[in-house]
Amino acid sequence: MAQRMTTQLLLLLVWVAVVGEAQTRTARARTELLNVCMNAKHHKEKPGPEDKLHEQCRPWKKNACCSTNTSQEAHKDVSYLYRFNWNHCGEMAPACKRHFIQDTCLYECSPNLGPWIQQVDQSWRKERVLNVPLCKEDCEQWWEDCRTSYTCKSNWHKGWNWTSGFNKCPVGAACQPFHFYFPTPTVLCNEIWTYSYKVSNYSRGSGRCIQMWFDPAQGNPNEEVARFYAAAMSGTGPWAAWPLLLSLALTLLWLLS
């Protein structure tokens, strides 16, 4: 009986060791989520300094996934980046457009979105971000500044009329104030880019949500956020198995004594 139990315990020890090794590999993989660029249409292969980033993209100049040219195009209406027309329902208010430019800069330039990168099978990109925890104030201000602007859709990723070479409202889609299609800040930030963002309950400076706006003189707060979520995704690490290993080892010693 003791020999049978000993064999079973040895098998358990081997299994726990294998699980621990798998967790180690997972933790190592999670570290690769830090300081990375998406495999997408205009992203650089690796992040690095870009001293001449344009205007609203400048916060990322010390370490960016975007080129100078991409940052310049991010500030244009109907730029070559995606041929997207912000003014599809008349002139978008400048205060509103600033948020869309900043959103584009974050998407194109940030090397801190690794924990939320997902593979996709799309002709124009192989990866996207999903459920990035956007700080609630950034979302609320975005929504507030766009209240006087107009749009004709709640999901801007798809469903446009592209026959003219840039997006136009689909047939039957009426232009309405933003709050008609986006009745709350959460609806705006979560749904406009198909859950690229998921509005966080955390505030700016908490280290738990991604800031679209930040002062580069104070450092990049999103680095800490990426580290936190990368560590959380890796679990507690291989050392979590050691209490069980120790208990099994002591039991095994007792049986053998």
Protein backbone atom coordinates (compact mmCIF):
# COMPACT_ATOMS: atom_id res chain seq x y z
CA MET A 1 0.00 0.00 0.00
CA ALA A 2 2.79 2.39 0.99
CA GLN A 3 4.61 1.63 -2.25
CA ARG A 4 1.50 2.37 -4.28
CA MET A 5 0.98 5.70 -2.48
CA THR A 6 4.64 6.53 -2.98
CA THR A 7 4.31 5.95 -6.71
CA GLN A 8 1.22 8.13 -6.87
CA LEU A 9 2.95 10.91 -4.96
CA LEU A 10 5.96 10.73 -7.24
CA LEU A 11 3.65 11.06 -10.24
CA LEU A 12 2.01 14.07 -8.58
CA LEU A 13 5.41 15.64 -7.99
CA VAL A 14 6.29 15.18 -11.64
CA TRP A 15 2.96 16.69 -12.69
CA VAL A 16 3.38 19.71 -10.42
CA ALA A 17 6.91 20.22 -11.74
CA VAL A 18 5.60 20.16 -15.30
CA VAL A 19 2.89 22.67 -14.42
CA GLY A 20 5.51 24.87 -12.77
CA GLU A 21 7.63 24.78 -15.91
CA ALA A 22 4.61 25.70 -18.02
CA GLN A 23 3.90 28.62 -15.72
CA THR A 24 7.51 29.71 -16.07
CA ARG A 25 7.16 29.70 -19.83
CA THR A 26 3.90 31.66 -19.53
CA ALA A 27 5.54 34.25 -17.30
CA ARG A 28 8.41 34.54 -19.75
CA ALA A 29 5.92 35.00 -22.58
CA ARG A 30 4.18 37.76 -20.64
CA THR A 31 7.41 39.72 -20.31
CA GLU A 32 7.41 39.83 -24.11
CA LEU A 33 4.18 41.85 -23.88
CA LEU A 34 6.17 44.83 -22.69
CA ASN A 35 7.64 47.38 -25.07
CA VAL A 36 6.25 45.87 -28.27
CA CYS A 37 4.60 47.04 -31.47
CA MET A 38 1.58 45.53 -33.15
CA ASN A 39 1.89 43.71 -36.42
CA ALA A 40 -0.34 46.19 -38.23
CA LYS A 41 -0.45 48.42 -41.27
CA HIS A 42 1.80 51.33 -40.26
CA HIS A 43 3.56 50.15 -37.10
CA LYS A 44 7.31 49.82 -36.85
CA GLU A 45 8.69 46.36 -36.18
CA LYS A 46 10.20 47.47 -32.87
CA PRO A 47 9.73 50.59 -30.74
CA GLY A 48 12.46 53.19 -30.55
CA PRO A 49 13.15 56.94 -30.31
CA GLU A 50 11.49 59.27 -32.84
CA ASP A 51 12.65 62.80 -32.06
CA LYS A 52 10.50 64.51 -34.70
CA LEU A 53 7.06 63.08 -33.94
CA HIS A 54 4.33 65.56 -34.86
CA GLU A 55 2.26 67.57 -32.36
CA GLN A 56 -0.13 65.29 -30.44
CA CYS A 57 2.04 62.24 -31.04
CA ARG A 58 5.05 63.87 -29.41
CA PRO A 59 4.49 62.30 -25.95
CA TRP A 60 5.82 59.04 -27.44
CA LYS A 61 8.97 60.51 -29.01
CA LYS A 62 11.34 58.78 -26.57
CA ASN A 63 9.98 55.36 -27.47
CA ALA A 64 7.48 54.97 -30.29
CA CYS A 65 5.96 52.36 -32.58
CA CYS A 66 5.16 55.05 -35.16
CA SER A 67 7.39 56.88 -37.60
CA THR A 68 7.54 60.66 -38.00
CA ASN A 69 5.59 60.41 -41.22
CA THR A 70 2.85 58.35 -39.61
CA SER A 71 2.55 60.93 -36.82
CA GLN A 72 2.15 63.70 -39.38
CA GLU A 73 -0.52 61.82 -41.29
CA ALA A 74 -2.40 61.14 -38.04
CA HIS A 75 -3.22 64.86 -37.88
CA LYS A 76 -4.69 65.12 -41.39
CA ASP A 77 -8.25 64.76 -42.59
CA VAL A 78 -8.52 61.79 -44.96
CA SER A 79 -4.85 60.91 -44.57
CA TYR A 80 -3.18 58.07 -46.44
CA LEU A 81 -3.14 56.02 -43.22
CA TYR A 82 -6.70 54.73 -43.57
CA ARG A 83 -8.45 57.26 -45.86
CA PHE A 84 -10.83 57.94 -42.99
CA ASN A 85 -12.85 61.15 -43.12
CA TRP A 86 -13.63 62.57 -39.69
CA ASN A 87 -15.97 65.10 -41.33
CA HIS A 88 -18.40 62.55 -42.78
CA CYS A 89 -21.35 64.44 -41.25
CA GLY A 90 -20.10 67.99 -41.61
CA GLU A 91 -17.12 69.62 -39.96
CA MET A 92 -16.17 67.87 -36.75
CA ALA A 93 -15.62 70.25 -33.83
CA PRO A 94 -11.88 70.86 -33.25
CA ALA A 95 -12.15 69.83 -29.58
CA CYS A 96 -13.71 66.54 -30.66
CA LYS A 97 -11.19 65.93 -33.44
CA ARG A 98 -8.31 66.35 -30.96
CA HIS A 99 -9.48 63.19 -29.19
CA PHE A 100 -9.58 61.21 -32.40
CA ILE A 101 -6.09 62.41 -33.30
CA GLN A 102 -4.86 61.45 -29.83
CA ASP A 103 -6.59 58.09 -30.14
CA THR A 104 -4.77 57.55 -33.44
CA CYS A 105 -1.44 58.55 -31.89
CA LEU A 106 -1.96 56.13 -29.01
CA TYR A 107 -2.85 53.30 -31.39
CA GLU A 108 0.01 53.95 -33.82
CA CYS A 109 2.74 55.06 -31.40
CA SER A 110 2.32 53.35 -28.04
CA PRO A 111 4.68 50.47 -27.19
CA ASN A 112 2.63 49.75 -24.05
CA LEU A 113 -0.39 47.94 -25.49
CA GLY A 114 1.15 44.47 -25.51
CA PRO A 115 -1.14 42.90 -22.87
CA TRP A 116 -4.15 43.59 -25.09
CA ILE A 117 -2.78 42.63 -28.50
CA GLN A 118 -4.79 39.92 -30.24
CA GLN A 119 -4.19 38.14 -33.53
CA VAL A 120 -6.66 38.87 -36.32
CA ASP A 121 -7.07 37.72 -39.88
CA GLN A 122 -7.57 41.01 -41.69
CA SER A 123 -6.08 42.17 -44.97
CA TRP A 124 -4.65 45.35 -43.46
CA ARG A 125 -3.31 44.03 -40.16
CA LYS A 126 -2.40 40.80 -38.40
CA GLU A 127 -2.92 42.10 -34.87
CA ARG A 128 -5.25 44.49 -33.07
CA VAL A 129 -5.87 45.56 -29.47
CA LEU A 130 -8.91 44.41 -27.53
CA ASN A 131 -10.36 45.75 -24.26
CA VAL A 132 -7.58 48.21 -23.47
CA PRO A 133 -8.61 49.66 -20.06
CA LEU A 134 -8.97 53.34 -20.93
CA CYS A 135 -8.96 55.73 -17.97
CA LYS A 136 -12.49 56.89 -17.27
CA GLU A 137 -11.67 60.62 -17.36
CA ASP A 138 -10.13 60.31 -20.82
CA CYS A 139 -13.30 58.66 -22.07
CA GLU A 140 -15.64 61.11 -20.34
CA GLN A 141 -13.82 64.14 -21.75
CA TRP A 142 -13.80 62.59 -25.24
CA TRP A 143 -17.57 62.13 -25.08
CA GLU A 144 -18.17 65.61 -23.65
CA ASP A 145 -16.07 67.33 -26.32
CA CYS A 146 -17.87 65.50 -29.11
CA ARG A 147 -21.44 66.27 -28.01
CA THR A 148 -21.83 69.03 -30.62
CA SER A 149 -20.39 66.98 -33.50
CA TYR A 150 -22.34 64.69 -35.81
CA THR A 151 -21.98 61.14 -37.08
CA CYS A 152 -24.14 58.49 -38.73
CA LYS A 153 -22.82 55.27 -37.15
CA SER A 154 -21.95 53.80 -33.77
CA ASN A 155 -19.34 51.34 -35.05
CA TRP A 156 -16.68 53.07 -37.11
CA HIS A 157 -14.74 49.92 -37.94
CA LYS A 158 -17.15 48.67 -40.58
CA GLY A 159 -20.24 49.36 -42.66
CA TRP A 160 -19.08 52.53 -44.45
CA ASN A 161 -19.53 53.38 -48.10
CA TRP A 162 -15.98 53.42 -49.56
CA THR A 163 -16.85 53.85 -53.23
CA SER A 164 -15.36 57.35 -53.34
CA GLY A 165 -12.05 56.19 -51.85
CA PHE A 166 -12.86 57.39 -48.35
CA ASN A 167 -15.65 56.66 -45.93
CA LYS A 168 -19.12 58.05 -46.46
CA CYS A 169 -22.29 57.29 -44.55
CA PRO A 170 -24.07 54.16 -45.78
CA VAL A 171 -27.43 54.57 -47.49
CA GLY A 172 -30.18 55.22 -44.98
CA ALA A 173 -27.83 56.20 -42.14
CA ALA A 174 -28.87 59.64 -40.89
CA CYS A 175 -26.43 62.15 -39.46
CA GLN A 176 -27.27 62.81 -35.82
CA PRO A 177 -25.49 64.42 -32.86
CA PHE A 178 -22.92 62.13 -31.28
CA HIS A 179 -25.07 61.45 -28.23
CA PHE A 180 -27.75 59.89 -30.49
CA TYR A 181 -25.38 57.07 -31.45
CA PHE A 182 -23.29 57.25 -28.28
CA PRO A 183 -25.69 57.99 -25.40
CA THR A 184 -22.97 57.55 -22.74
CA PRO A 185 -19.18 57.84 -22.59
CA THR A 186 -18.94 54.08 -22.13
CA VAL A 187 -20.87 53.40 -25.34
CA LEU A 188 -18.60 55.77 -27.26
CA CYS A 189 -15.28 54.41 -26.06
CA ASN A 190 -16.24 50.73 -26.00
CA GLU A 191 -18.15 50.47 -29.25
CA ILE A 192 -16.72 52.97 -31.71
CA TRP A 193 -13.71 50.76 -32.50
CA THR A 194 -15.32 47.38 -31.70
CA TYR A 195 -14.05 47.12 -28.12
CA SER A 196 -10.51 48.18 -28.80
CA TYR A 197 -11.13 50.02 -25.53
CA LYS A 198 -13.04 48.96 -22.45
CA VAL A 199 -13.61 51.92 -20.17
CA SER A 200 -11.96 51.40 -16.81
CA ASN A 201 -13.33 52.29 -13.38
CA TYR A 202 -9.83 53.47 -12.53
CA SER A 203 -8.67 57.06 -12.76
CA ARG A 204 -5.68 58.66 -14.39
CA GLY A 205 -2.53 58.23 -12.32
CA SER A 206 -3.79 55.01 -10.71
CA GLY A 207 -1.36 52.81 -12.62
CA ARG A 208 -4.30 50.60 -13.57
CA CYS A 209 -5.63 52.24 -16.73
CA ILE A 210 -4.16 53.45 -20.01
CA GLN A 211 -3.98 57.21 -20.43
CA MET A 212 -4.60 58.59 -23.89
CA TRP A 213 -3.24 61.94 -22.68
CA PHE A 214 -0.12 62.41 -20.56
CA ASP A 215 2.73 64.83 -19.98
CA PRO A 216 5.95 63.24 -21.28
CA ALA A 217 7.96 65.45 -18.92
CA GLN A 218 6.53 63.32 -16.12
CA GLY A 219 7.33 60.06 -17.88
CA ASN A 220 5.02 57.64 -19.63
CA PRO A 221 2.46 56.35 -17.07
CA ASN A 222 1.34 53.59 -19.42
CA GLU A 223 4.59 51.70 -18.89
CA GLU A 224 3.56 50.93 -15.31
CA VAL A 225 0.07 49.93 -16.45
CA ALA A 226 1.43 47.50 -19.03
CA ARG A 227 3.74 45.94 -16.43
CA PHE A 228 0.86 45.49 -14.00
CA TYR A 229 -1.41 43.75 -16.49
CA ALA A 230 1.37 41.63 -17.99
CA ALA A 231 2.19 40.37 -14.48
CA ALA A 232 -1.49 39.80 -13.69
CA MET A 233 -1.94 37.78 -16.88
CA SER A 234 1.00 35.56 -15.95
CA GLY A 235 -0.67 34.52 -12.68
CA THR A 236 1.36 34.04 -9.54
CA GLY A 237 4.28 32.39 -11.30
CA PRO A 238 5.93 29.00 -10.86
CA TRP A 239 6.55 29.53 -7.15
CA ALA A 240 2.81 29.04 -6.57
CA ALA A 241 3.41 25.29 -6.90
CA TRP A 242 6.08 25.12 -4.20
CA PRO A 243 3.75 24.79 -1.15
CA LEU A 244 2.15 21.76 -2.77
CA LEU A 245 5.53 20.37 -3.74
CA LEU A 246 6.80 20.77 -0.19
CA SER A 247 3.73 19.11 1.28
CA LEU A 248 3.99 16.18 -1.09
CA ALA A 249 7.71 15.80 -0.42
CA LEU A 250 7.19 15.72 3.37
CA THR A 251 4.43 13.13 2.99
CA LEU A 252 6.65 11.05 0.79
CA LEU A 253 9.50 11.19 3.33
CA TRP A 254 7.11 10.15 6.11
CA LEU A 255 5.88 7.17 4.11
CA LEU A 256 9.41 6.08 3.31
CA SER A 257 10.65 6.39 6.90
